[in-house]
């Protein structure tokens, strides 16, 4: 995992109170749904708020890239990197 992916994994674990080591998250594993981490819509809100606080931008529902960005840890890290520039 990249440095940013590690940072986002730690944020994810903190934001949604996961009982997992951030380093154990597969960067390509789905974050939501029945596979992967199994996060839900409440987790998405908590994660969005944590991203806004940490990185200074809001991941808005109207943002066409948002659904794809929240698909995995890797895609979320890329989204954050692009938005904070």
Protein backbone atom coordinates (compact mmCIF):
# COMPACT_ATOMS: atom_id res chain seq x y z
CA UNK A 1 0.00 0.00 0.00
CA UNK A 2 1.08 3.56 -0.64
CA UNK A 3 1.57 6.06 2.18
CA UNK A 4 -1.76 7.72 1.38
CA UNK A 5 -3.52 4.34 1.25
CA UNK A 6 -2.16 3.54 4.72
CA UNK A 7 -3.32 6.93 5.98
CA UNK A 8 -6.80 6.48 4.48
CA UNK A 9 -7.03 2.93 5.87
CA UNK A 10 -6.32 4.29 9.35
CA UNK A 11 -8.92 7.03 8.85
CA UNK A 12 -11.45 4.46 7.65
CA UNK A 13 -10.92 2.18 10.66
CA UNK A 14 -11.22 5.16 13.02
CA UNK A 15 -14.22 6.76 11.30
CA UNK A 16 -16.43 3.67 11.24
CA UNK A 17 -15.02 1.97 14.34
CA UNK A 18 -13.83 -1.19 12.59
CA UNK A 19 -12.19 -3.85 14.70
CA UNK A 20 -9.46 -4.55 12.14
CA UNK A 21 -5.84 -3.63 11.62
CA UNK A 22 -5.71 -0.95 8.89
CA UNK A 23 -2.77 -2.78 7.30
CA UNK A 24 -4.98 -5.86 6.84
CA UNK A 25 -7.33 -4.04 4.45
CA UNK A 26 -6.80 -5.15 0.87
CA UNK A 27 -6.60 -1.89 -1.14
CA UNK A 28 -8.69 -3.39 -3.96
CA UNK A 29 -11.32 -5.00 -1.73
CA UNK A 30 -14.83 -3.50 -1.97
CA UNK A 31 -15.70 -1.19 0.91
CA UNK A 32 -19.50 -1.53 0.65
CA UNK A 33 -22.02 -4.29 0.12
CA UNK A 34 -21.95 -7.97 0.89
CA UNK A 35 -18.34 -8.44 -0.16
CA UNK A 36 -15.25 -6.84 1.28
CA UNK A 37 -15.62 -4.73 4.40
CA UNK A 38 -19.42 -4.69 4.20
CA UNK A 39 -19.84 -1.01 5.02
CA UNK A 40 -23.28 0.60 4.75
CA UNK A 41 -24.75 4.05 4.07
CA UNK A 42 -24.24 5.23 7.66
CA UNK A 43 -20.58 4.24 7.37
CA UNK A 44 -20.40 6.23 4.13
CA UNK A 45 -21.66 9.34 5.93
CA UNK A 46 -19.19 8.90 8.77
CA UNK A 47 -16.34 8.32 6.34
CA UNK A 48 -17.34 11.36 4.26
CA UNK A 49 -17.33 13.53 7.38
CA UNK A 50 -13.91 12.22 8.43
CA UNK A 51 -12.53 12.97 4.95
CA UNK A 52 -13.94 16.51 5.10
CA UNK A 53 -12.31 17.13 8.48
CA UNK A 54 -8.96 15.59 7.60
CA UNK A 55 -8.54 16.68 3.98
CA UNK A 56 -10.63 19.84 3.80
CA UNK A 57 -13.14 18.98 1.07
CA UNK A 58 -16.57 17.40 0.99
CA UNK A 59 -17.33 14.31 -1.05
CA UNK A 60 -20.74 15.42 -2.29
CA UNK A 61 -23.46 13.01 -3.39
CA UNK A 62 -23.83 14.98 -6.65
CA UNK A 63 -20.20 14.31 -7.52
CA UNK A 64 -20.32 11.85 -10.41
CA UNK A 65 -16.99 10.32 -9.34
CA UNK A 66 -18.09 9.68 -5.75
CA UNK A 67 -19.66 6.22 -6.18
CA UNK A 68 -16.66 4.93 -8.07
CA UNK A 69 -14.27 6.63 -5.64
CA UNK A 70 -15.79 4.91 -2.62
CA UNK A 71 -15.57 1.46 -4.23
CA UNK A 72 -12.26 0.46 -2.62
CA UNK A 73 -9.47 1.82 -0.45
CA UNK A 74 -7.28 2.34 -3.52
CA UNK A 75 -9.93 4.24 -5.48
CA UNK A 76 -10.78 6.33 -2.40
CA UNK A 77 -7.11 7.22 -1.92
CA UNK A 78 -6.84 8.29 -5.57
CA UNK A 79 -10.00 10.38 -5.23
CA UNK A 80 -8.63 12.12 -2.13
CA UNK A 81 -5.30 12.74 -3.82
CA UNK A 82 -7.01 14.32 -6.85
CA UNK A 83 -9.42 16.46 -4.80
CA UNK A 84 -6.87 17.90 -2.39
CA UNK A 85 -4.58 19.27 -5.11
